[in-house]
Amino acid sequence: MTEETKGTERVTFSRGYDVCIMGIDGTWRRDCKLNAISDNDAVLTVEGSIQGLNLKEFFLLLSSTGLAYRRCELVRVNGSEMEIQFLRGKNKKKRSGMAGQDALLG
């Protein structure tokens, strides 16, 4: 396990798994291959250009019907490969576990 995964195991797919990324507002969509995934992040290979797309926050669609998805943000790009991390709550990274408890304590 590398330090990059920060304590979570990453599952790697040898052939990739067909997924899509889609803008939060639904105005754009790109086909991708899911190369690796963990509880916190994923590595994708994007088909087509991502130039000009708003990748601050977007959806990773895990099913063809769009019923399984995760909210994400871009971490880095290397050619056609992207590393993304999953978001939880309104603009809060999944790794901030105390965020939900703070809301309950008010």
N, C-alpha and C. Protein backbone atom coordinates (compact mmCIF):
# COMPACT_ATOMS: atom_id res chain seq x y z
N MET A 1 0.84 -1.18 0.00
CA MET A 1 0.00 0.00 0.00
C MET A 1 0.89 1.25 0.00
N THR A 2 0.58 2.22 -0.83
CA THR A 2 1.38 3.43 -0.89
C THR A 2 0.79 4.49 0.02
N GLU A 3 1.58 5.50 0.28
CA GLU A 3 1.09 6.61 1.11
C GLU A 3 -0.02 7.36 0.39
N GLU A 4 -0.01 7.30 -0.93
CA GLU A 4 -1.00 7.99 -1.76
C GLU A 4 -2.42 7.53 -1.44
N THR A 5 -2.62 6.26 -1.08
CA THR A 5 -3.95 5.74 -0.78
C THR A 5 -4.40 6.07 0.64
N LYS A 6 -3.49 6.55 1.47
CA LYS A 6 -3.80 7.03 2.82
C LYS A 6 -4.63 6.04 3.62
N GLY A 7 -4.17 4.78 3.69
CA GLY A 7 -4.81 3.81 4.56
C GLY A 7 -5.96 3.04 3.95
N THR A 8 -6.35 3.34 2.71
CA THR A 8 -7.40 2.56 2.07
C THR A 8 -6.81 1.80 0.89
N GLU A 9 -7.31 0.59 0.72
CA GLU A 9 -6.82 -0.24 -0.36
C GLU A 9 -7.44 0.19 -1.67
N ARG A 10 -6.65 0.18 -2.70
CA ARG A 10 -7.12 0.55 -4.03
C ARG A 10 -7.27 -0.72 -4.86
N VAL A 11 -8.42 -0.89 -5.50
CA VAL A 11 -8.68 -2.01 -6.39
C VAL A 11 -8.32 -1.57 -7.80
N THR A 12 -7.50 -2.39 -8.49
CA THR A 12 -7.07 -2.08 -9.85
C THR A 12 -7.75 -3.03 -10.83
N PHE A 13 -8.24 -2.49 -11.94
CA PHE A 13 -8.88 -3.28 -12.99
C PHE A 13 -7.91 -3.42 -14.15
N SER A 14 -7.58 -4.64 -14.54
CA SER A 14 -6.58 -4.85 -15.58
C SER A 14 -7.03 -4.34 -16.95
N ARG A 15 -8.31 -4.45 -17.26
CA ARG A 15 -8.81 -3.96 -18.55
C ARG A 15 -9.58 -2.66 -18.43
N GLY A 16 -9.76 -2.17 -17.25
CA GLY A 16 -10.57 -0.98 -17.05
C GLY A 16 -12.05 -1.34 -17.02
N TYR A 17 -12.83 -0.48 -16.41
CA TYR A 17 -14.27 -0.67 -16.28
C TYR A 17 -14.93 0.55 -16.92
N ASP A 18 -15.88 0.34 -17.83
CA ASP A 18 -16.52 1.46 -18.54
C ASP A 18 -17.36 2.31 -17.59
N VAL A 19 -17.05 3.60 -17.54
CA VAL A 19 -17.79 4.57 -16.74
C VAL A 19 -17.87 5.87 -17.53
N CYS A 20 -18.55 6.85 -16.98
CA CYS A 20 -18.63 8.19 -17.58
C CYS A 20 -18.40 9.23 -16.51
N ILE A 21 -17.90 10.39 -16.92
CA ILE A 21 -17.92 11.55 -16.05
C ILE A 21 -18.91 12.53 -16.66
N MET A 22 -19.58 13.29 -15.80
CA MET A 22 -20.60 14.23 -16.28
C MET A 22 -20.57 15.48 -15.43
N GLY A 23 -20.74 16.62 -16.06
CA GLY A 23 -20.80 17.89 -15.35
C GLY A 23 -21.95 17.92 -14.37
N ILE A 24 -21.77 18.64 -13.28
CA ILE A 24 -22.81 18.78 -12.25
C ILE A 24 -24.11 19.29 -12.86
N ASP A 25 -24.00 20.19 -13.85
CA ASP A 25 -25.19 20.76 -14.48
C ASP A 25 -25.70 19.91 -15.65
N GLY A 26 -25.00 18.81 -15.96
CA GLY A 26 -25.43 17.91 -17.03
C GLY A 26 -25.12 18.39 -18.43
N THR A 27 -24.35 19.45 -18.59
CA THR A 27 -24.09 20.01 -19.92
C THR A 27 -23.00 19.28 -20.70
N TRP A 28 -22.21 18.45 -20.02
CA TRP A 28 -21.17 17.68 -20.73
C TRP A 28 -21.04 16.29 -20.12
N ARG A 29 -20.49 15.40 -20.94
CA ARG A 29 -20.31 14.01 -20.52
C ARG A 29 -19.16 13.41 -21.33
N ARG A 30 -18.30 12.61 -20.69
CA ARG A 30 -17.19 11.94 -21.37
C ARG A 30 -17.14 10.48 -20.94
N ASP A 31 -16.92 9.60 -21.91
CA ASP A 31 -16.69 8.19 -21.61
C ASP A 31 -15.29 8.01 -21.04
N CYS A 32 -15.16 7.09 -20.09
CA CYS A 32 -13.88 6.84 -19.42
C CYS A 32 -13.72 5.36 -19.14
N LYS A 33 -12.51 5.00 -18.80
CA LYS A 33 -12.20 3.68 -18.25
C LYS A 33 -11.77 3.90 -16.81
N LEU A 34 -12.38 3.17 -15.89
CA LEU A 34 -11.99 3.20 -14.49
C LEU A 34 -10.85 2.22 -14.32
N ASN A 35 -9.65 2.72 -14.01
CA ASN A 35 -8.47 1.88 -13.89
C ASN A 35 -8.25 1.38 -12.47
N ALA A 36 -8.58 2.22 -11.49
CA ALA A 36 -8.38 1.86 -10.08
C ALA A 36 -9.32 2.69 -9.23
N ILE A 37 -9.72 2.13 -8.08
CA ILE A 37 -10.65 2.85 -7.20
C ILE A 37 -10.41 2.45 -5.76
N SER A 38 -10.60 3.40 -4.84
CA SER A 38 -10.58 3.14 -3.40
C SER A 38 -11.78 3.86 -2.79
N ASP A 39 -11.88 3.86 -1.48
CA ASP A 39 -12.97 4.57 -0.82
C ASP A 39 -12.89 6.07 -1.05
N ASN A 40 -11.68 6.60 -1.25
CA ASN A 40 -11.47 8.04 -1.32
C ASN A 40 -11.21 8.60 -2.70
N ASP A 41 -10.69 7.75 -3.62
CA ASP A 41 -10.25 8.29 -4.91
C ASP A 41 -10.32 7.24 -6.00
N ALA A 42 -9.99 7.69 -7.23
CA ALA A 42 -10.01 6.78 -8.38
C ALA A 42 -9.06 7.31 -9.44
N VAL A 43 -8.67 6.41 -10.35
CA VAL A 43 -7.85 6.76 -11.50
C VAL A 43 -8.63 6.37 -12.75
N LEU A 44 -8.77 7.34 -13.67
CA LEU A 44 -9.55 7.15 -14.89
C LEU A 44 -8.70 7.43 -16.12
N THR A 45 -9.04 6.79 -17.24
CA THR A 45 -8.51 7.17 -18.54
C THR A 45 -9.68 7.76 -19.31
N VAL A 46 -9.54 9.02 -19.73
CA VAL A 46 -10.62 9.74 -20.39
C VAL A 46 -10.53 9.56 -21.89
N GLU A 47 -11.67 9.29 -22.52
CA GLU A 47 -11.76 9.21 -23.98
C GLU A 47 -12.24 10.56 -24.49
N GLY A 48 -11.42 11.22 -25.27
CA GLY A 48 -11.77 12.55 -25.77
C GLY A 48 -11.12 13.63 -24.93
N SER A 49 -11.32 14.85 -25.35
CA SER A 49 -10.67 16.00 -24.69
C SER A 49 -11.44 16.44 -23.45
N ILE A 50 -10.69 16.86 -22.44
CA ILE A 50 -11.31 17.45 -21.24
C ILE A 50 -11.03 18.95 -21.19
N GLN A 51 -10.38 19.46 -22.22
CA GLN A 51 -10.05 20.88 -22.27
C GLN A 51 -11.33 21.73 -22.23
N GLY A 52 -11.35 22.71 -21.36
CA GLY A 52 -12.49 23.61 -21.24
C GLY A 52 -13.60 23.12 -20.34
N LEU A 53 -13.50 21.90 -19.81
CA LEU A 53 -14.54 21.38 -18.92
C LEU A 53 -14.29 21.84 -17.49
N ASN A 54 -15.36 22.10 -16.75
CA ASN A 54 -15.25 22.47 -15.35
C ASN A 54 -15.10 21.18 -14.53
N LEU A 55 -13.86 20.91 -14.09
CA LEU A 55 -13.59 19.68 -13.35
C LEU A 55 -13.40 19.93 -11.86
N LYS A 56 -13.82 21.11 -11.40
CA LYS A 56 -13.75 21.39 -9.96
C LYS A 56 -14.70 20.46 -9.21
N GLU A 57 -15.87 20.22 -9.80
CA GLU A 57 -16.84 19.30 -9.21
C GLU A 57 -17.65 18.68 -10.33
N PHE A 58 -17.75 17.36 -10.34
CA PHE A 58 -18.46 16.64 -11.39
C PHE A 58 -18.89 15.28 -10.86
N PHE A 59 -19.64 14.53 -11.66
CA PHE A 59 -20.10 13.21 -11.27
C PHE A 59 -19.32 12.13 -11.99
N LEU A 60 -19.02 11.05 -11.28
CA LEU A 60 -18.51 9.81 -11.87
C LEU A 60 -19.71 8.87 -11.92
N LEU A 61 -20.18 8.54 -13.13
CA LEU A 61 -21.34 7.66 -13.30
C LEU A 61 -20.85 6.23 -13.41
N LEU A 62 -21.23 5.40 -12.47
CA LEU A 62 -20.75 4.03 -12.40
C LEU A 62 -21.67 3.04 -13.08
N SER A 63 -22.88 3.48 -13.46
CA SER A 63 -23.82 2.59 -14.15
C SER A 63 -24.35 3.29 -15.39
N SER A 64 -24.78 2.51 -16.36
CA SER A 64 -25.27 3.08 -17.62
C SER A 64 -26.57 3.87 -17.43
N THR A 65 -27.33 3.56 -16.38
CA THR A 65 -28.59 4.27 -16.11
C THR A 65 -28.37 5.53 -15.28
N GLY A 66 -27.16 5.70 -14.74
CA GLY A 66 -26.88 6.88 -13.93
C GLY A 66 -27.35 6.78 -12.50
N LEU A 67 -27.82 5.59 -12.08
CA LEU A 67 -28.33 5.44 -10.73
C LEU A 67 -27.23 5.24 -9.69
N ALA A 68 -26.04 4.84 -10.13
CA ALA A 68 -24.90 4.70 -9.22
C ALA A 68 -23.86 5.74 -9.62
N TYR A 69 -23.60 6.68 -8.73
CA TYR A 69 -22.67 7.76 -9.06
C TYR A 69 -21.99 8.28 -7.80
N ARG A 70 -20.89 9.00 -7.99
CA ARG A 70 -20.17 9.66 -6.90
C ARG A 70 -19.83 11.07 -7.34
N ARG A 71 -19.88 12.00 -6.42
CA ARG A 71 -19.47 13.38 -6.69
C ARG A 71 -17.97 13.48 -6.51
N CYS A 72 -17.27 14.14 -7.44
CA CYS A 72 -15.81 14.12 -7.47
C CYS A 72 -15.23 15.49 -7.72
N GLU A 73 -13.91 15.56 -7.55
CA GLU A 73 -13.14 16.70 -8.01
C GLU A 73 -11.81 16.19 -8.56
N LEU A 74 -11.26 16.95 -9.49
CA LEU A 74 -10.01 16.58 -10.13
C LEU A 74 -8.84 16.81 -9.17
N VAL A 75 -7.92 15.84 -9.10
CA VAL A 75 -6.70 15.98 -8.32
C VAL A 75 -5.54 16.32 -9.25
N ARG A 76 -5.36 15.50 -10.32
CA ARG A 76 -4.31 15.81 -11.29
C ARG A 76 -4.60 15.11 -12.60
N VAL A 77 -3.96 15.61 -13.67
CA VAL A 77 -4.09 15.05 -15.02
C VAL A 77 -2.70 14.72 -15.53
N ASN A 78 -2.57 13.55 -16.16
CA ASN A 78 -1.32 13.16 -16.81
C ASN A 78 -1.69 12.57 -18.17
N GLY A 79 -1.67 13.38 -19.20
CA GLY A 79 -2.13 12.95 -20.52
C GLY A 79 -3.62 12.67 -20.50
N SER A 80 -4.02 11.44 -20.85
CA SER A 80 -5.44 11.09 -20.83
C SER A 80 -5.85 10.47 -19.49
N GLU A 81 -4.90 10.34 -18.57
CA GLU A 81 -5.19 9.75 -17.26
C GLU A 81 -5.48 10.85 -16.24
N MET A 82 -6.54 10.66 -15.46
CA MET A 82 -6.93 11.61 -14.41
C MET A 82 -6.98 10.90 -13.08
N GLU A 83 -6.53 11.59 -12.05
CA GLU A 83 -6.75 11.11 -10.69
C GLU A 83 -7.80 12.03 -10.08
N ILE A 84 -8.81 11.42 -9.47
CA ILE A 84 -9.91 12.18 -8.88
C ILE A 84 -10.08 11.76 -7.43
N GLN A 85 -10.72 12.63 -6.65
CA GLN A 85 -11.09 12.24 -5.29
C GLN A 85 -12.57 12.47 -5.11
N PHE A 86 -13.17 11.67 -4.25
CA PHE A 86 -14.60 11.73 -4.03
C PHE A 86 -14.92 12.78 -2.98
N LEU A 87 -16.04 13.46 -3.18
CA LEU A 87 -16.52 14.48 -2.26
C LEU A 87 -17.71 13.94 -1.49
N ARG A 88 -17.88 14.44 -0.28
CA ARG A 88 -19.03 14.05 0.55
C ARG A 88 -19.61 15.30 1.17
N GLY A 89 -20.91 15.43 1.13
CA GLY A 89 -21.55 16.63 1.66
C GLY A 89 -21.33 17.80 0.72
N LYS A 90 -21.75 18.97 1.11
CA LYS A 90 -21.61 20.14 0.26
C LYS A 90 -20.18 20.63 0.28
N ASN A 91 -19.44 20.35 -0.81
CA ASN A 91 -18.05 20.77 -1.00
C ASN A 91 -17.10 20.31 0.09
N LYS A 92 -17.40 19.20 0.76
CA LYS A 92 -16.50 18.67 1.79
C LYS A 92 -15.89 17.38 1.31
N LYS A 93 -14.60 17.25 1.49
CA LYS A 93 -13.91 16.03 1.08
C LYS A 93 -14.31 14.89 1.98
N LYS A 94 -14.37 13.69 1.43
CA LYS A 94 -14.77 12.50 2.18
C LYS A 94 -13.87 12.25 3.38
N ARG A 95 -12.62 12.65 3.27
CA ARG A 95 -11.66 12.38 4.34
C ARG A 95 -11.94 13.16 5.62
N SER A 96 -12.77 14.19 5.59
CA SER A 96 -13.05 14.98 6.79
C SER A 96 -14.20 14.34 7.56
N GLY A 97 -13.90 13.33 8.34
CA GLY A 97 -14.90 12.53 9.04
C GLY A 97 -15.68 13.27 10.11
N MET A 98 -15.15 14.35 10.68
CA MET A 98 -15.83 15.05 11.77
C MET A 98 -16.89 16.02 11.27
N ALA A 99 -16.98 16.27 9.98
CA ALA A 99 -17.89 17.27 9.44
C ALA A 99 -19.36 16.97 9.82
N GLY A 100 -19.76 15.71 9.69
CA GLY A 100 -21.13 15.34 10.03
C GLY A 100 -21.42 15.49 11.50
N GLN A 101 -20.45 15.19 12.36
CA GLN A 101 -20.64 15.33 13.80
C GLN A 101 -20.75 16.78 14.21
N ASP A 102 -20.00 17.67 13.55
CA ASP A 102 -20.08 19.10 13.86
C ASP A 102 -21.49 19.62 13.62
N ALA A 103 -22.15 19.18 12.55
CA ALA A 103 -23.49 19.61 12.24
C ALA A 103 -24.47 19.13 13.31
N LEU A 104 -24.26 17.94 13.84
CA LEU A 104 -25.17 17.41 14.87
C LEU A 104 -24.99 18.14 16.20
N LEU A 105 -23.77 18.57 16.49
CA LEU A 105 -23.51 19.25 17.75
C LEU A 105 -23.97 20.69 17.73
N GLY A 106 -24.17 21.21 16.51
CA GLY A 106 -24.73 22.50 16.27
C GLY A 106 -24.03 23.66 16.73
